[in-house]
């Protein structure tokens, strides 16, 4: 055990050092604070020791927060939304859902031995820690923290619902032994058959869909027996799981050799190489798209091609450049738009089905509290981020070296803003339409005022995010030549949007108040966009 504790300590040191170095790197790039932090800070022992304490607190807090969000978001919140206040039924429901999600889904989709991550790669390939020694420490650390974090999170849920805390801790303990047993089975499958189960996409996706469906079906009119709660009540079965998990844990910590398994996942699924392969594949797809565009032009009607070309050549300056770019990369630019349009249609169909199922169980007023989530939906549905990457990689990257192009940021910014607005407004109108269908089903054609507010809010969000992505691109230019995004201020500004969504959900403003607030913010953003671009683009609109 002494060797395990020493390796766990080295793992923590590696995580803390990595996090501290990232904190220093990000702080150096902040506008005002960054000038006070020198490169010598990386070697400053006392400063790094203080930051290390902060890093440990952040790591512990992140682990606990993850478990709390899981229990409250995946288990407690659905029960609060769709069940009446009945102690026994709620406890049986939460046990059933916990069994399906953590017991069934987690058993297939999670295996620390066969998981690929950067810390494993660094420890095995760079620090030369023996794979067996490292994985024994990882297993001990993983399932100790699993019990602690999930036990604390489930205890908070039990206090809120007035459940038996001892019962909930026993359930978490049984689940810990079950997951240890599943870890052992994953390793056995690999050693006997050479199969890394968690890398089989079809198996993980199918398990996730089945487990989530079984978990949440009791909340619908098509109810099923709460077999998860029944299984937890079988003492003989729970005893077998505890004993089997204990034996499996002993074998994993004492007698298993992890060398082949660790070498397999750090070679076949190398995270440091995957990133380069992913970027290379992305660039190849972009180049292939160029070839497709050219082949389409060459095989089209010559008169049509001549007319299109002439309409572009009649323009001058940046307007001509923008027009040529749009024609040259038409297929590439349409791909993110089409994907989001299809996703919107699928989402609308899903919401309509859910509205039909739950229309007798939930009211529009209650759902109105969660309308700030529409901001999150529009953030992911708009195409600004993807279009900015295409603009950077295929047009701006070679031009950014010229000062005249950076100084003339205003004209091509406005041309691109017009193009982004046209795309995002189309997506926003489509999204507003599918949301309206769900509202009509829930209200049976009444409450027209909510329809108007939602349409105005979604159109406002389409304008806001068109501005947001393009302004950040011109003012901060966060992309490297490899399309990485390492700019700390870019991350902080985008995080403020997520924080604003959480605050809005917590405050619960009315639909019209939220809409009016977004209109004011969008108008302010609209008036400040051009001055910001004109002031900062000449210095910051360059390759990092």
Protein backbone atom coordinates (compact mmCIF):
# COMPACT_ATOMS: atom_id res chain seq x y z
CA UNK A 1 0.00 0.00 0.00
CA UNK A 2 2.94 2.33 0.60
CA UNK A 3 3.78 2.21 -3.11
CA UNK A 4 0.17 3.00 -4.01
CA UNK A 5 0.11 6.05 -1.72
CA UNK A 6 3.42 7.29 -3.13
CA UNK A 7 2.13 6.96 -6.70
CA UNK A 8 -1.14 8.70 -5.79
CA UNK A 9 0.95 11.51 -4.32
CA UNK A 10 2.92 11.80 -7.57
CA UNK A 11 -0.33 11.84 -9.54
CA UNK A 12 -1.60 14.72 -7.43
CA UNK A 13 1.69 16.56 -7.83
CA UNK A 14 1.50 16.13 -11.61
CA UNK A 15 -2.10 17.40 -11.71
CA UNK A 16 -1.33 20.32 -9.39
CA UNK A 17 1.81 21.37 -11.30
CA UNK A 18 -0.04 21.21 -14.61
CA UNK A 19 -2.93 23.27 -13.27
CA UNK A 20 -0.60 25.84 -11.65
CA UNK A 21 1.35 26.31 -14.88
CA UNK A 22 -1.92 26.82 -16.76
CA UNK A 23 -3.05 29.40 -14.20
CA UNK A 24 0.22 31.33 -14.60
CA UNK A 25 -0.03 31.12 -18.39
CA UNK A 26 -3.60 32.44 -18.39
CA UNK A 27 -2.85 35.19 -15.86
CA UNK A 28 0.07 36.40 -17.99
CA UNK A 29 -2.31 37.05 -20.87
CA UNK A 30 -4.84 39.07 -18.93
CA UNK A 31 -4.90 42.79 -19.88
CA UNK A 32 -3.74 44.44 -16.62
CA UNK A 33 -2.62 41.61 -14.35
CA UNK A 34 -0.53 39.99 -17.09
CA UNK A 35 2.04 42.79 -17.13
CA UNK A 36 2.85 42.13 -13.45
CA UNK A 37 3.57 38.40 -13.94
CA UNK A 38 6.97 37.51 -15.36
CA UNK A 39 8.28 34.25 -16.78
CA UNK A 40 10.31 33.83 -13.58
CA UNK A 41 7.02 33.03 -11.82
CA UNK A 42 7.22 29.50 -13.22
CA UNK A 43 10.32 28.95 -11.04
CA UNK A 44 9.12 30.90 -7.97
CA UNK A 45 8.73 28.23 -5.29
CA UNK A 46 6.64 30.18 -2.78
CA UNK A 47 4.29 31.59 -5.39
CA UNK A 48 3.76 28.20 -6.99
CA UNK A 49 3.21 26.66 -3.56
CA UNK A 50 0.41 29.15 -2.89
CA UNK A 51 -1.08 28.57 -6.32
CA UNK A 52 -0.72 24.84 -5.70
CA UNK A 53 -2.93 25.11 -2.62
CA UNK A 54 -5.49 26.95 -4.74
CA UNK A 55 -5.19 24.26 -7.42
CA UNK A 56 -5.84 21.48 -4.87
CA UNK A 57 -8.95 23.28 -3.63
CA UNK A 58 -10.13 23.73 -7.23
CA UNK A 59 -9.57 20.05 -8.03
CA UNK A 60 -11.38 18.84 -4.92
CA UNK A 61 -14.20 21.32 -5.51
CA UNK A 62 -14.50 20.30 -9.15
CA UNK A 63 -14.82 16.62 -8.24
CA UNK A 64 -17.48 17.30 -5.62
CA UNK A 65 -19.32 19.77 -7.86
CA UNK A 66 -19.45 17.20 -10.68
CA UNK A 67 -21.15 14.68 -8.39
CA UNK A 68 -23.55 17.29 -7.01
CA UNK A 69 -24.54 18.40 -10.52
CA UNK A 70 -25.07 14.76 -11.50
CA UNK A 71 -27.35 13.95 -8.57
CA UNK A 72 -29.31 17.18 -8.76
CA UNK A 73 -29.47 17.57 -12.53
CA UNK A 74 -29.95 13.95 -13.60
CA UNK A 75 -31.90 12.58 -10.63
CA UNK A 76 -33.40 15.15 -8.27
CA UNK A 77 -34.57 17.80 -10.75
CA UNK A 78 -36.66 15.45 -12.96
CA UNK A 79 -38.29 14.03 -9.83
CA UNK A 80 -39.13 17.53 -8.58
CA UNK A 81 -40.60 18.47 -11.95
CA UNK A 82 -42.83 15.47 -12.61
CA UNK A 83 -43.79 13.84 -9.30
CA UNK A 84 -45.97 14.76 -6.39
CA UNK A 85 -44.66 15.07 -2.84
CA UNK A 86 -44.66 11.42 -1.78
CA UNK A 87 -41.70 10.16 0.25
CA UNK A 88 -41.75 6.45 -0.64
CA UNK A 89 -42.38 6.91 -4.35
CA UNK A 90 -39.62 9.52 -4.68
CA UNK A 91 -37.07 7.39 -2.88
CA UNK A 92 -37.90 4.37 -5.06
CA UNK A 93 -37.67 6.60 -8.16
CA UNK A 94 -34.26 7.99 -7.29
CA UNK A 95 -32.92 4.50 -6.54
CA UNK A 96 -34.26 3.24 -9.88
CA UNK A 97 -32.76 6.14 -11.82
CA UNK A 98 -29.44 5.81 -9.96
CA UNK A 99 -29.30 2.11 -10.81
CA UNK A 100 -30.02 2.68 -14.50
CA UNK A 101 -27.62 5.59 -15.02
CA UNK A 102 -24.73 4.82 -12.66
CA UNK A 103 -25.18 1.05 -12.50
CA UNK A 104 -26.04 0.11 -16.09
CA UNK A 105 -24.77 3.01 -18.21
CA UNK A 106 -21.70 3.76 -16.09
CA UNK A 107 -20.72 0.09 -15.99
CA UNK A 108 -20.31 -0.02 -19.78
CA UNK A 109 -19.14 3.51 -20.61
CA UNK A 110 -16.58 3.99 -17.82
CA UNK A 111 -13.39 1.99 -17.26
CA UNK A 112 -10.33 3.74 -15.81
CA UNK A 113 -7.90 1.00 -16.88
CA UNK A 114 -8.83 1.33 -20.56
CA UNK A 115 -9.52 5.07 -20.50
CA UNK A 116 -7.33 7.42 -22.52
CA UNK A 117 -6.26 10.70 -20.95
CA UNK A 118 -3.28 13.03 -20.97
CA UNK A 119 -2.22 12.31 -17.39
CA UNK A 120 -1.94 8.60 -18.16
CA UNK A 121 0.06 9.34 -21.29
CA UNK A 122 2.38 11.73 -19.43
CA UNK A 123 2.91 9.38 -16.49
CA UNK A 124 3.59 6.29 -18.61
CA UNK A 125 5.41 7.75 -21.62
CA UNK A 126 7.25 10.73 -20.14
CA UNK A 127 7.66 10.06 -16.40
CA UNK A 128 8.28 6.35 -17.03
CA UNK A 129 6.08 5.17 -14.16
CA UNK A 130 5.46 1.42 -14.38
CA UNK A 131 1.99 0.87 -15.92
CA UNK A 132 0.92 -1.65 -13.27
CA UNK A 133 2.03 0.56 -10.39
CA UNK A 134 0.38 3.60 -11.94
CA UNK A 135 -2.95 1.88 -12.63
CA UNK A 136 -3.17 0.40 -9.15
CA UNK A 137 -2.81 3.92 -7.77
CA UNK A 138 -5.39 5.23 -10.26
CA UNK A 139 -7.87 2.50 -9.29
CA UNK A 140 -7.43 3.14 -5.58
CA UNK A 141 -7.77 6.90 -6.03
CA UNK A 142 -10.71 6.64 -8.44
CA UNK A 143 -12.99 4.50 -6.30
CA UNK A 144 -12.06 6.13 -3.02
CA UNK A 145 -13.03 9.54 -4.39
CA UNK A 146 -16.03 7.97 -6.17
CA UNK A 147 -17.46 6.87 -2.83
CA UNK A 148 -16.58 10.15 -1.06
CA UNK A 149 -17.93 12.52 -3.73
CA UNK A 150 -21.05 10.53 -4.58
CA UNK A 151 -21.71 9.84 -0.91
CA UNK A 152 -21.57 13.56 -0.07
CA UNK A 153 -23.75 14.49 -3.06
CA UNK A 154 -26.34 11.79 -2.32
CA UNK A 155 -26.32 12.84 1.34
CA UNK A 156 -27.28 16.39 0.30
CA UNK A 157 -30.12 14.99 -1.81
CA UNK A 158 -31.26 12.81 1.11
CA UNK A 159 -31.35 15.83 3.43
CA UNK A 160 -33.44 17.78 0.92
CA UNK A 161 -35.93 14.95 0.35
CA UNK A 162 -35.82 13.78 3.98
CA UNK A 163 -34.49 10.33 3.04
CA UNK A 164 -32.53 8.03 5.33
CA UNK A 165 -28.89 9.13 5.08
CA UNK A 166 -27.58 5.74 6.21
CA UNK A 167 -29.60 4.04 3.48
CA UNK A 168 -28.27 6.38 0.81
CA UNK A 169 -24.65 5.87 1.92
CA UNK A 170 -25.15 2.10 1.79
CA UNK A 171 -26.48 2.45 -1.75
CA UNK A 172 -23.42 4.47 -2.79
CA UNK A 173 -21.16 1.89 -1.15
CA UNK A 174 -22.85 -0.95 -3.05
CA UNK A 175 -22.57 1.03 -6.29
CA UNK A 176 -18.84 1.52 -5.63
CA UNK A 177 -18.29 -2.23 -5.27
CA UNK A 178 -20.38 -2.85 -8.41
CA UNK A 179 -18.28 -0.42 -10.45
CA UNK A 180 -15.07 -2.06 -9.16
CA UNK A 181 -16.46 -5.42 -10.31
CA UNK A 182 -17.28 -3.92 -13.73
CA UNK A 183 -13.73 -2.54 -13.95
CA UNK A 184 -12.45 -6.06 -13.39
CA UNK A 185 -14.78 -7.41 -16.12
CA UNK A 186 -13.61 -4.75 -18.60
CA UNK A 187 -10.01 -5.82 -18.00
CA UNK A 188 -10.90 -9.51 -18.34
CA UNK A 189 -12.64 -8.89 -21.68
CA UNK A 190 -9.56 -7.10 -22.95
CA UNK A 191 -7.12 -9.74 -21.73
CA UNK A 192 -9.14 -12.66 -23.07
CA UNK A 193 -10.60 -11.18 -26.28
CA UNK A 194 -8.48 -8.08 -26.94
CA UNK A 195 -11.61 -5.89 -26.99
CA UNK A 196 -11.58 -2.39 -25.51
CA UNK A 197 -15.31 -2.15 -24.82
CA UNK A 198 -15.46 1.57 -24.06
CA UNK A 199 -13.99 2.29 -27.52
CA UNK A 200 -16.88 0.46 -29.22
CA UNK A 201 -19.06 3.43 -30.12
CA UNK A 202 -22.11 1.36 -31.02
CA UNK A 203 -22.03 -0.44 -27.64
CA UNK A 204 -21.65 2.73 -25.57
CA UNK A 205 -24.30 4.70 -27.47
CA UNK A 206 -26.80 1.82 -27.39
CA UNK A 207 -26.23 1.32 -23.66
CA UNK A 208 -26.66 5.04 -22.98
CA UNK A 209 -29.94 5.22 -24.91
CA UNK A 210 -31.40 2.12 -23.25
CA UNK A 211 -30.27 3.12 -19.74
CA UNK A 212 -31.59 6.69 -20.01
CA UNK A 213 -34.89 5.48 -21.46
CA UNK A 214 -35.35 2.97 -18.62
CA UNK A 215 -34.36 5.63 -16.06
CA UNK A 216 -36.90 8.23 -17.15
CA UNK A 217 -39.81 6.11 -18.43
CA UNK A 218 -41.37 5.93 -14.91
CA UNK A 219 -41.87 9.70 -15.15
CA UNK A 220 -44.04 9.33 -18.27
CA UNK A 221 -47.56 7.94 -18.73
CA UNK A 222 -45.86 4.84 -20.20
CA UNK A 223 -44.60 3.86 -16.79
CA UNK A 224 -42.53 0.75 -16.08
CA UNK A 225 -41.87 -1.06 -12.78
CA UNK A 226 -39.16 0.51 -10.64
CA UNK A 227 -36.91 -2.53 -10.98
CA UNK A 228 -33.83 -0.56 -9.95
CA UNK A 229 -35.25 0.07 -6.49
CA UNK A 230 -36.34 -3.57 -6.25
CA UNK A 231 -32.83 -4.76 -7.08
CA UNK A 232 -31.34 -2.59 -4.33
CA UNK A 233 -33.76 -4.20 -1.86
CA UNK A 234 -32.51 -7.76 -2.58
CA UNK A 235 -30.12 -8.33 0.29
CA UNK A 236 -28.69 -11.57 -1.07
CA UNK A 237 -27.87 -9.90 -4.39
CA UNK A 238 -26.32 -6.88 -2.69
CA UNK A 239 -24.23 -9.20 -0.52
CA UNK A 240 -22.96 -11.02 -3.62
CA UNK A 241 -22.08 -7.68 -5.27
CA UNK A 242 -20.19 -6.47 -2.18
CA UNK A 243 -18.25 -9.73 -1.82
CA UNK A 244 -17.52 -9.96 -5.56
CA UNK A 245 -16.47 -6.31 -5.64
CA UNK A 246 -14.15 -6.86 -2.67
CA UNK A 247 -12.50 -9.86 -4.32
CA UNK A 248 -12.25 -7.99 -7.65
CA UNK A 249 -10.72 -4.98 -5.90
CA UNK A 250 -8.16 -7.18 -4.15
CA UNK A 251 -7.18 -8.83 -7.45
CA UNK A 252 -6.97 -5.45 -9.21
CA UNK A 253 -4.71 -4.03 -6.50
CA UNK A 254 -2.51 -7.06 -5.95
CA UNK A 255 -2.44 -9.55 -8.80
CA UNK A 256 -3.35 -7.90 -12.10
CA UNK A 257 -0.77 -6.84 -14.67
CA UNK A 258 -1.87 -3.69 -16.50
CA UNK A 259 1.06 -3.33 -18.89
CA UNK A 260 -0.67 -4.63 -22.04
CA UNK A 261 -3.91 -2.75 -21.40
CA UNK A 262 -2.18 0.57 -20.70
CA UNK A 263 0.17 0.21 -23.66
CA UNK A 264 -2.82 -0.53 -25.91
CA UNK A 265 -4.75 2.63 -25.07
CA UNK A 266 -1.73 4.95 -24.93
CA UNK A 267 -0.62 3.76 -28.37
CA UNK A 268 -3.88 3.19 -30.21
CA UNK A 269 -5.66 6.22 -28.73
CA UNK A 270 -2.76 8.54 -28.03
CA UNK A 271 -4.34 11.84 -26.90
CA UNK A 272 -1.33 13.93 -27.90
CA UNK A 273 -1.41 12.45 -31.40
CA UNK A 274 -5.19 12.45 -31.69
CA UNK A 275 -5.24 16.22 -31.55
CA UNK A 276 -2.80 16.52 -34.44
CA UNK A 277 -4.66 13.86 -36.42
CA UNK A 278 -7.95 15.63 -35.83
CA UNK A 279 -6.55 18.97 -37.05
CA UNK A 280 -4.92 17.28 -40.05
CA UNK A 281 -8.20 15.60 -40.96
CA UNK A 282 -10.02 18.91 -40.61
CA UNK A 283 -7.57 20.62 -42.93
CA UNK A 284 -7.79 17.79 -45.45
CA UNK A 285 -11.57 18.02 -45.47
CA UNK A 286 -11.30 21.75 -46.05
CA UNK A 287 -8.93 21.26 -48.98
CA UNK A 288 -11.15 18.53 -50.41
CA UNK A 289 -14.11 20.86 -50.18
CA UNK A 290 -12.20 23.39 -52.27
CA UNK A 291 -11.69 20.77 -54.96
CA UNK A 292 -15.38 19.89 -54.94
CA UNK A 293 -16.30 23.54 -55.37
CA UNK A 294 -14.00 23.89 -58.35
CA UNK A 295 -15.29 20.70 -59.96
CA UNK A 296 -18.86 21.90 -59.58
CA UNK A 297 -18.01 25.18 -61.31
CA UNK A 298 -16.27 23.40 -64.13
CA UNK A 299 -19.15 21.02 -64.82
CA UNK A 300 -21.91 23.62 -64.52
CA UNK A 301 -23.50 25.53 -67.36
CA UNK A 302 -20.78 27.89 -68.71
CA UNK A 303 -23.25 30.76 -69.03
CA UNK A 304 -24.32 30.42 -65.41
CA UNK A 305 -20.69 30.31 -64.30
CA UNK A 306 -19.88 33.38 -66.41
CA UNK A 307 -22.85 35.31 -64.98
CA UNK A 308 -21.88 34.44 -61.39
CA UNK A 309 -18.26 35.35 -61.98
CA UNK A 310 -19.15 38.62 -63.67
CA UNK A 311 -21.53 39.60 -60.82
CA UNK A 312 -18.64 39.18 -58.42
CA UNK A 313 -16.07 40.95 -60.59
CA UNK A 314 -18.37 43.96 -60.88
CA UNK A 315 -17.76 44.58 -57.17
CA UNK A 316 -14.69 46.36 -55.86
CA UNK A 317 -12.22 46.00 -53.01
CA UNK A 318 -13.18 44.01 -49.94
CA UNK A 319 -16.69 43.49 -51.26
CA UNK A 320 -15.23 41.64 -54.25
CA UNK A 321 -12.91 39.63 -51.96
CA UNK A 322 -15.84 38.67 -49.76
CA UNK A 323 -17.97 37.66 -52.74
CA UNK A 324 -15.19 35.52 -54.22
CA UNK A 325 -14.63 33.87 -50.85
CA UNK A 326 -18.31 32.98 -50.49
CA UNK A 327 -18.43 31.45 -53.98
CA UNK A 328 -15.12 29.69 -53.56
CA UNK A 329 -16.12 28.03 -50.27
CA UNK A 330 -19.88 27.79 -50.73
CA UNK A 331 -20.11 24.09 -49.85
CA UNK A 332 -17.85 24.45 -46.83
CA UNK A 333 -19.84 27.37 -45.46
CA UNK A 334 -23.16 25.59 -45.95
CA UNK A 335 -22.18 22.51 -43.92
CA UNK A 336 -22.52 24.00 -40.39
CA UNK A 337 -25.75 25.74 -41.42
CA UNK A 338 -27.29 22.53 -42.74
CA UNK A 339 -26.26 20.53 -39.68
CA UNK A 340 -27.86 23.02 -37.33
CA UNK A 341 -30.97 23.21 -39.44
CA UNK A 342 -31.34 19.42 -39.24
CA UNK A 343 -30.61 19.50 -35.50
CA UNK A 344 -33.31 22.17 -35.07
CA UNK A 345 -35.87 20.02 -36.88
CA UNK A 346 -34.98 16.97 -34.77
CA UNK A 347 -35.11 19.05 -31.59
CA UNK A 348 -38.50 20.44 -32.59
CA UNK A 349 -39.88 16.96 -33.20
CA UNK A 350 -38.53 15.76 -29.85
CA UNK A 351 -39.98 18.75 -27.98
CA UNK A 352 -43.36 18.26 -29.64
CA UNK A 353 -43.44 14.60 -28.59
CA UNK A 354 -42.45 15.52 -25.02
CA UNK A 355 -45.12 18.24 -24.96
CA UNK A 356 -47.76 15.70 -25.98
CA UNK A 357 -46.59 13.27 -23.30
CA UNK A 358 -46.29 15.73 -20.40
CA UNK A 359 -48.94 18.32 -21.24
CA UNK A 360 -51.12 17.12 -18.34
CA UNK A 361 -48.23 17.12 -15.87
CA UNK A 362 -46.48 20.46 -16.38
CA UNK A 363 -47.63 24.01 -16.95
CA UNK A 364 -46.24 26.71 -19.19
CA UNK A 365 -45.67 28.97 -16.18
CA UNK A 366 -43.35 26.43 -14.60
CA UNK A 367 -41.41 25.91 -17.82
CA UNK A 368 -41.13 29.70 -18.17
CA UNK A 369 -38.65 29.68 -15.30
CA UNK A 370 -36.19 27.83 -17.54
CA UNK A 371 -36.51 30.09 -20.60
CA UNK A 372 -32.92 31.38 -20.03
CA UNK A 373 -31.87 27.98 -21.37
CA UNK A 374 -32.95 29.29 -24.78
CA UNK A 375 -29.81 31.44 -24.63
CA UNK A 376 -27.73 28.28 -24.31
CA UNK A 377 -29.63 26.69 -27.20
CA UNK A 378 -29.04 29.69 -29.47
CA UNK A 379 -25.36 29.81 -28.47
CA UNK A 380 -24.98 26.30 -29.87
CA UNK A 381 -27.31 26.75 -32.85
CA UNK A 382 -25.70 29.86 -34.31
CA UNK A 383 -22.88 29.36 -36.82
CA UNK A 384 -20.58 32.22 -35.82
CA UNK A 385 -17.75 30.21 -34.28
CA UNK A 386 -17.51 27.75 -37.18
CA UNK A 387 -17.68 30.47 -39.83
CA UNK A 388 -14.95 32.47 -38.07
CA UNK A 389 -12.65 29.42 -38.15
CA UNK A 390 -13.27 29.00 -41.87
CA UNK A 391 -12.60 32.69 -42.45
CA UNK A 392 -9.39 32.51 -40.45
CA UNK A 393 -8.01 29.36 -42.05
CA UNK A 394 -8.95 30.00 -45.68
CA UNK A 395 -8.84 33.77 -45.99
CA UNK A 396 -7.43 35.81 -43.12
CA UNK A 397 -4.40 33.86 -41.92
CA UNK A 398 -2.10 34.89 -44.81
CA UNK A 399 -3.54 38.42 -44.94
CA UNK A 400 -3.14 39.21 -41.23
CA UNK A 401 0.57 39.87 -41.70
CA UNK A 402 -0.23 43.02 -43.70
CA UNK A 403 -0.91 46.16 -41.69
CA UNK A 404 -3.29 47.63 -44.30
CA UNK A 405 -5.59 44.59 -43.93
CA UNK A 406 -5.69 44.95 -40.16
CA UNK A 407 -6.32 48.71 -40.37
CA UNK A 408 -9.16 48.15 -42.83
CA UNK A 409 -10.89 45.71 -40.45
CA UNK A 410 -14.10 47.75 -40.35
CA UNK A 411 -15.25 47.21 -43.99
CA UNK A 412 -14.69 43.44 -44.11
CA UNK A 413 -16.09 43.11 -40.57
CA UNK A 414 -19.36 44.71 -41.70
CA UNK A 415 -19.56 42.50 -44.82
CA UNK A 416 -19.09 39.37 -42.75
CA UNK A 417 -21.52 40.54 -40.10
CA UNK A 418 -24.20 40.89 -42.78
CA UNK A 419 -23.52 37.33 -43.97
CA UNK A 420 -23.57 35.91 -40.43
CA UNK A 421 -26.79 37.73 -39.60
CA UNK A 422 -28.55 36.30 -42.63
CA UNK A 423 -27.60 32.73 -41.66
CA UNK A 424 -28.29 33.04 -37.95
CA UNK A 425 -31.63 34.80 -38.48
CA UNK A 426 -32.76 31.91 -40.67
CA UNK A 427 -31.76 29.43 -37.99
CA UNK A 428 -33.37 31.58 -35.29
CA UNK A 429 -36.68 31.82 -37.15
CA UNK A 430 -36.71 28.06 -37.68
CA UNK A 431 -35.96 27.48 -33.98
CA UNK A 432 -38.67 29.93 -32.91
CA UNK A 433 -41.15 28.10 -35.14
CA UNK A 434 -40.45 24.67 -33.61
CA UNK A 435 -40.59 26.14 -30.09
CA UNK A 436 -43.97 27.69 -30.93
CA UNK A 437 -45.34 24.30 -31.95
CA UNK A 438 -44.47 22.87 -28.51
CA UNK A 439 -46.05 25.88 -26.77
CA UNK A 440 -49.22 25.51 -28.83
CA UNK A 441 -49.46 21.89 -27.75
CA UNK A 442 -48.97 22.75 -24.07
CA UNK A 443 -51.38 25.72 -24.06
CA UNK A 444 -53.86 24.28 -26.58
CA UNK A 445 -53.64 27.45 -28.68
CA UNK A 446 -53.87 29.98 -25.85
CA UNK A 447 -51.36 32.48 -24.42
CA UNK A 448 -50.30 34.18 -27.65
CA UNK A 449 -48.20 36.73 -25.74
CA UNK A 450 -45.59 34.13 -24.86
CA UNK A 451 -45.22 33.29 -28.57
CA UNK A 452 -44.44 36.90 -29.41
CA UNK A 453 -41.92 37.25 -26.59
CA UNK A 454 -40.11 34.04 -27.58
CA UNK A 455 -39.92 35.07 -31.24
CA UNK A 456 -38.50 38.50 -30.31
CA UNK A 457 -36.04 36.96 -27.85
CA UNK A 458 -34.74 34.33 -30.30
CA UNK A 459 -34.32 36.89 -33.10
CA UNK A 460 -32.48 39.15 -30.63
CA UNK A 461 -30.22 36.26 -29.64
CA UNK A 462 -29.46 35.53 -33.31
CA UNK A 463 -28.27 39.12 -33.70
CA UNK A 464 -26.37 39.06 -30.40
CA UNK A 465 -24.39 35.91 -31.13
CA UNK A 466 -23.65 36.99 -34.70
CA UNK A 467 -22.06 40.10 -33.21
CA UNK A 468 -20.45 38.25 -30.32
CA UNK A 469 -18.50 35.66 -32.30
CA UNK A 470 -17.33 38.10 -34.96
CA UNK A 471 -16.36 40.86 -32.51
CA UNK A 472 -14.30 38.46 -30.41
CA UNK A 473 -12.66 37.16 -33.57
CA UNK A 474 -11.60 40.63 -34.66
CA UNK A 475 -10.79 42.09 -31.24
CA UNK A 476 -9.01 39.09 -29.68
CA UNK A 477 -8.30 36.72 -32.63
CA UNK A 478 -7.96 33.64 -30.40
CA UNK A 479 -6.97 31.06 -33.05
CA UNK A 480 -3.50 29.70 -33.63
CA UNK A 481 -2.29 28.39 -36.98
CA UNK A 482 -3.40 24.90 -35.84
CA UNK A 483 -6.92 26.21 -35.02
CA UNK A 484 -6.33 25.87 -31.26
CA UNK A 485 -7.99 28.40 -28.96
CA UNK A 486 -5.67 29.26 -26.06
CA UNK A 487 -6.55 32.90 -25.43
CA UNK A 488 -7.52 33.24 -21.72
CA UNK A 489 -9.57 36.42 -22.19
CA UNK A 490 -11.56 34.70 -24.95
CA UNK A 491 -12.33 31.85 -22.53
CA UNK A 492 -13.29 34.25 -19.74
CA UNK A 493 -15.65 36.30 -21.94
CA UNK A 494 -17.39 33.17 -23.20
CA UNK A 495 -17.62 31.87 -19.63
CA UNK A 496 -19.48 35.05 -18.65
CA UNK A 497 -22.30 34.02 -20.97
CA UNK A 498 -22.60 30.64 -19.21
CA UNK A 499 -22.50 32.44 -15.86
CA UNK A 500 -25.23 34.82 -17.06
CA UNK A 501 -27.44 31.87 -18.00
CA UNK A 502 -27.01 30.33 -14.54
CA UNK A 503 -27.80 33.66 -12.85
CA UNK A 504 -30.87 34.15 -15.05
CA UNK A 505 -32.16 30.66 -14.18
CA UNK A 506 -31.56 31.38 -10.49
CA UNK A 507 -33.30 34.78 -10.56
CA UNK A 508 -36.17 33.49 -12.71
CA UNK A 509 -37.17 36.71 -14.53
CA UNK A 510 -40.41 36.82 -16.48
CA UNK A 511 -40.26 36.15 -20.20
CA UNK A 512 -40.80 39.80 -21.17
CA UNK A 513 -38.24 41.06 -18.64
CA UNK A 514 -35.64 38.65 -19.97
CA UNK A 515 -36.48 39.64 -23.55
CA UNK A 516 -36.20 43.35 -22.78
CA UNK A 517 -32.85 42.81 -21.04
CA UNK A 518 -31.48 40.92 -24.05
CA UNK A 519 -32.68 43.67 -26.40
CA UNK A 520 -30.85 46.32 -24.37
CA UNK A 521 -27.64 44.24 -24.27
CA UNK A 522 -27.83 43.53 -28.01
CA UNK A 523 -28.38 47.19 -28.92
CA UNK A 524 -25.45 48.21 -26.69
CA UNK A 525 -23.30 45.51 -28.29
CA UNK A 526 -24.37 46.65 -31.76
CA UNK A 527 -23.34 50.26 -31.15
CA UNK A 528 -20.02 49.32 -29.53
CA UNK A 529 -19.00 46.66 -32.07
CA UNK A 530 -17.57 48.91 -34.81
CA UNK A 531 -15.61 51.17 -32.39
CA UNK A 532 -14.13 48.10 -30.69
CA UNK A 533 -13.10 46.56 -34.00
CA UNK A 534 -11.65 49.85 -35.29
CA UNK A 535 -9.62 50.35 -32.10
CA UNK A 536 -8.29 46.88 -31.33
CA UNK A 537 -8.20 44.98 -34.65
CA UNK A 538 -5.07 46.77 -36.03
CA UNK A 539 -3.02 45.38 -33.13
CA UNK A 540 -4.77 42.11 -32.24
CA UNK A 541 -6.13 40.81 -35.56
CA UNK A 542 -3.04 38.70 -36.27
CA UNK A 543 -1.87 35.08 -36.08
CA UNK A 544 -0.93 34.13 -32.53
